[in-house]
């Protein structure tokens, strides 16, 4: 619903970015994970300064 209302993009690349961000944000909320912490750990892993964080925890 947020994606349909915010209209923060007009191109394909922007739309894909928003889809991915909102999916990560929603999943982090469901898993009780800080979105900022997840993004920071993801960027650190991308630049070779850490390991890729898990978005979904196994039971």
N, C-alpha and C. Protein backbone atom coordinates (compact mmCIF):
# COMPACT_ATOMS: atom_id res chain seq x y z
N UNK A 1 0.82 -1.19 0.00
CA UNK A 1 0.00 0.00 0.00
C UNK A 1 0.87 1.26 0.00
N UNK A 2 1.94 1.26 0.79
CA UNK A 2 2.81 2.44 0.84
C UNK A 2 3.37 2.78 -0.53
N UNK A 3 3.78 1.76 -1.29
CA UNK A 3 4.36 1.99 -2.60
C UNK A 3 3.37 2.67 -3.53
N UNK A 4 2.11 2.28 -3.44
CA UNK A 4 1.10 2.86 -4.32
C UNK A 4 0.80 4.30 -3.96
N UNK A 5 0.97 4.67 -2.70
CA UNK A 5 0.61 6.00 -2.24
C UNK A 5 1.77 6.99 -2.34
N UNK A 6 2.99 6.55 -2.07
CA UNK A 6 4.10 7.49 -1.99
C UNK A 6 4.55 8.01 -3.34
N UNK A 7 4.47 7.22 -4.39
CA UNK A 7 4.86 7.62 -5.74
C UNK A 7 6.21 8.31 -5.77
N UNK A 8 7.19 7.73 -5.11
CA UNK A 8 8.51 8.33 -5.02
C UNK A 8 9.42 8.03 -6.19
N UNK A 9 8.88 7.45 -7.26
CA UNK A 9 9.70 7.13 -8.41
C UNK A 9 8.88 7.21 -9.68
N UNK A 10 9.58 7.36 -10.79
CA UNK A 10 8.88 7.44 -12.07
C UNK A 10 9.49 6.50 -13.10
N UNK A 11 10.64 5.92 -12.81
CA UNK A 11 11.30 5.03 -13.76
C UNK A 11 11.36 3.60 -13.26
N UNK A 12 11.81 2.72 -14.13
CA UNK A 12 11.90 1.30 -13.80
C UNK A 12 12.90 1.08 -12.67
N UNK A 13 14.07 1.70 -12.75
CA UNK A 13 15.10 1.50 -11.73
C UNK A 13 14.63 2.00 -10.37
N UNK A 14 14.01 3.16 -10.33
CA UNK A 14 13.47 3.69 -9.07
C UNK A 14 12.39 2.80 -8.50
N UNK A 15 11.54 2.28 -9.37
CA UNK A 15 10.47 1.40 -8.94
C UNK A 15 11.05 0.12 -8.33
N UNK A 16 12.06 -0.45 -8.98
CA UNK A 16 12.71 -1.67 -8.46
C UNK A 16 13.36 -1.39 -7.10
N UNK A 17 14.01 -0.23 -6.97
CA UNK A 17 14.66 0.11 -5.71
C UNK A 17 13.62 0.19 -4.59
N UNK A 18 12.51 0.88 -4.87
CA UNK A 18 11.46 1.01 -3.86
C UNK A 18 10.85 -0.33 -3.50
N UNK A 19 10.62 -1.19 -4.48
CA UNK A 19 10.08 -2.52 -4.20
C UNK A 19 10.98 -3.27 -3.25
N UNK A 20 12.27 -3.25 -3.53
CA UNK A 20 13.23 -3.99 -2.69
C UNK A 20 13.34 -3.38 -1.30
N UNK A 21 13.38 -2.06 -1.22
CA UNK A 21 13.49 -1.41 0.08
C UNK A 21 12.28 -1.71 0.94
N UNK A 22 11.07 -1.58 0.39
CA UNK A 22 9.86 -1.83 1.16
C UNK A 22 9.76 -3.29 1.58
N UNK A 23 10.21 -4.20 0.72
CA UNK A 23 10.21 -5.62 1.11
C UNK A 23 11.15 -5.87 2.28
N UNK A 24 12.36 -5.31 2.21
CA UNK A 24 13.32 -5.45 3.30
C UNK A 24 12.77 -4.81 4.57
N UNK A 25 12.22 -3.62 4.44
CA UNK A 25 11.68 -2.90 5.60
C UNK A 25 10.56 -3.70 6.27
N UNK A 26 9.66 -4.23 5.48
CA UNK A 26 8.55 -5.02 6.03
C UNK A 26 9.04 -6.29 6.69
N UNK A 27 9.97 -6.99 6.04
CA UNK A 27 10.50 -8.23 6.60
C UNK A 27 11.26 -7.97 7.88
N UNK A 28 12.05 -6.89 7.91
CA UNK A 28 12.76 -6.54 9.15
C UNK A 28 11.77 -6.30 10.28
N UNK A 29 10.69 -5.59 9.99
CA UNK A 29 9.67 -5.35 11.01
C UNK A 29 9.06 -6.63 11.53
N UNK A 30 8.77 -7.56 10.62
CA UNK A 30 8.18 -8.83 11.02
C UNK A 30 9.15 -9.68 11.84
N UNK A 31 10.44 -9.55 11.55
CA UNK A 31 11.47 -10.33 12.25
C UNK A 31 12.03 -9.58 13.46
N UNK A 32 11.52 -8.38 13.71
CA UNK A 32 12.00 -7.52 14.80
C UNK A 32 13.50 -7.24 14.69
N UNK A 33 13.89 -6.87 13.47
CA UNK A 33 15.27 -6.52 13.17
C UNK A 33 15.29 -5.03 12.82
N UNK A 34 16.28 -4.30 13.30
CA UNK A 34 16.43 -2.89 12.96
C UNK A 34 16.78 -2.76 11.47
N UNK A 35 16.00 -1.97 10.75
CA UNK A 35 16.26 -1.77 9.32
C UNK A 35 17.62 -1.11 9.12
N UNK A 36 17.91 -0.10 9.94
CA UNK A 36 19.19 0.59 9.80
C UNK A 36 20.37 -0.34 10.07
N UNK A 37 20.26 -1.19 11.09
CA UNK A 37 21.33 -2.14 11.40
C UNK A 37 21.51 -3.11 10.23
N UNK A 38 20.39 -3.61 9.68
CA UNK A 38 20.46 -4.54 8.56
C UNK A 38 21.13 -3.88 7.35
N UNK A 39 20.73 -2.65 7.03
CA UNK A 39 21.33 -1.95 5.89
C UNK A 39 22.81 -1.69 6.11
N UNK A 40 23.19 -1.31 7.34
CA UNK A 40 24.60 -1.06 7.64
C UNK A 40 25.42 -2.33 7.48
N UNK A 41 24.91 -3.45 7.99
CA UNK A 41 25.62 -4.72 7.87
C UNK A 41 25.69 -5.17 6.42
N UNK A 42 24.63 -4.92 5.65
CA UNK A 42 24.62 -5.29 4.24
C UNK A 42 25.66 -4.50 3.45
N UNK A 43 25.73 -3.19 3.72
CA UNK A 43 26.73 -2.37 3.04
C UNK A 43 28.15 -2.74 3.45
N UNK A 44 28.35 -3.07 4.71
CA UNK A 44 29.68 -3.51 5.16
C UNK A 44 30.08 -4.78 4.44
N UNK A 45 29.14 -5.71 4.28
CA UNK A 45 29.42 -6.97 3.58
C UNK A 45 29.73 -6.69 2.11
N UNK A 46 28.98 -5.77 1.51
CA UNK A 46 29.19 -5.44 0.11
C UNK A 46 30.61 -4.90 -0.13
N UNK A 47 31.10 -4.09 0.80
CA UNK A 47 32.43 -3.51 0.67
C UNK A 47 33.52 -4.39 1.28
N UNK A 48 33.18 -5.63 1.63
CA UNK A 48 34.16 -6.58 2.11
C UNK A 48 34.59 -6.39 3.55
N UNK A 49 33.78 -5.71 4.36
CA UNK A 49 34.15 -5.44 5.74
C UNK A 49 33.25 -6.15 6.74
N UNK A 50 32.65 -7.25 6.32
CA UNK A 50 31.77 -7.99 7.21
C UNK A 50 31.09 -9.13 6.47
N UNK A 51 30.25 -9.81 7.19
CA UNK A 51 29.50 -10.91 6.58
C UNK A 51 28.08 -10.47 6.29
N UNK A 52 27.47 -11.10 5.32
CA UNK A 52 26.11 -10.77 4.93
C UNK A 52 25.14 -11.14 6.04
N UNK A 53 24.31 -10.19 6.48
CA UNK A 53 23.37 -10.49 7.57
C UNK A 53 22.20 -11.34 7.07
N UNK A 54 21.59 -12.08 7.98
CA UNK A 54 20.41 -12.88 7.67
C UNK A 54 19.18 -12.00 7.86
N UNK A 55 18.28 -12.08 6.89
CA UNK A 55 17.04 -11.32 6.99
C UNK A 55 15.94 -12.16 7.63
N UNK A 56 15.98 -13.46 7.42
CA UNK A 56 15.00 -14.35 8.01
C UNK A 56 15.73 -15.34 8.90
N UNK A 57 15.36 -15.36 10.16
CA UNK A 57 15.99 -16.25 11.13
C UNK A 57 15.32 -17.62 11.09
N UNK A 58 16.14 -18.65 11.11
CA UNK A 58 15.59 -20.00 11.14
C UNK A 58 15.18 -20.36 12.56
N UNK A 59 14.08 -21.09 12.67
CA UNK A 59 13.57 -21.48 13.99
C UNK A 59 14.36 -22.61 14.59
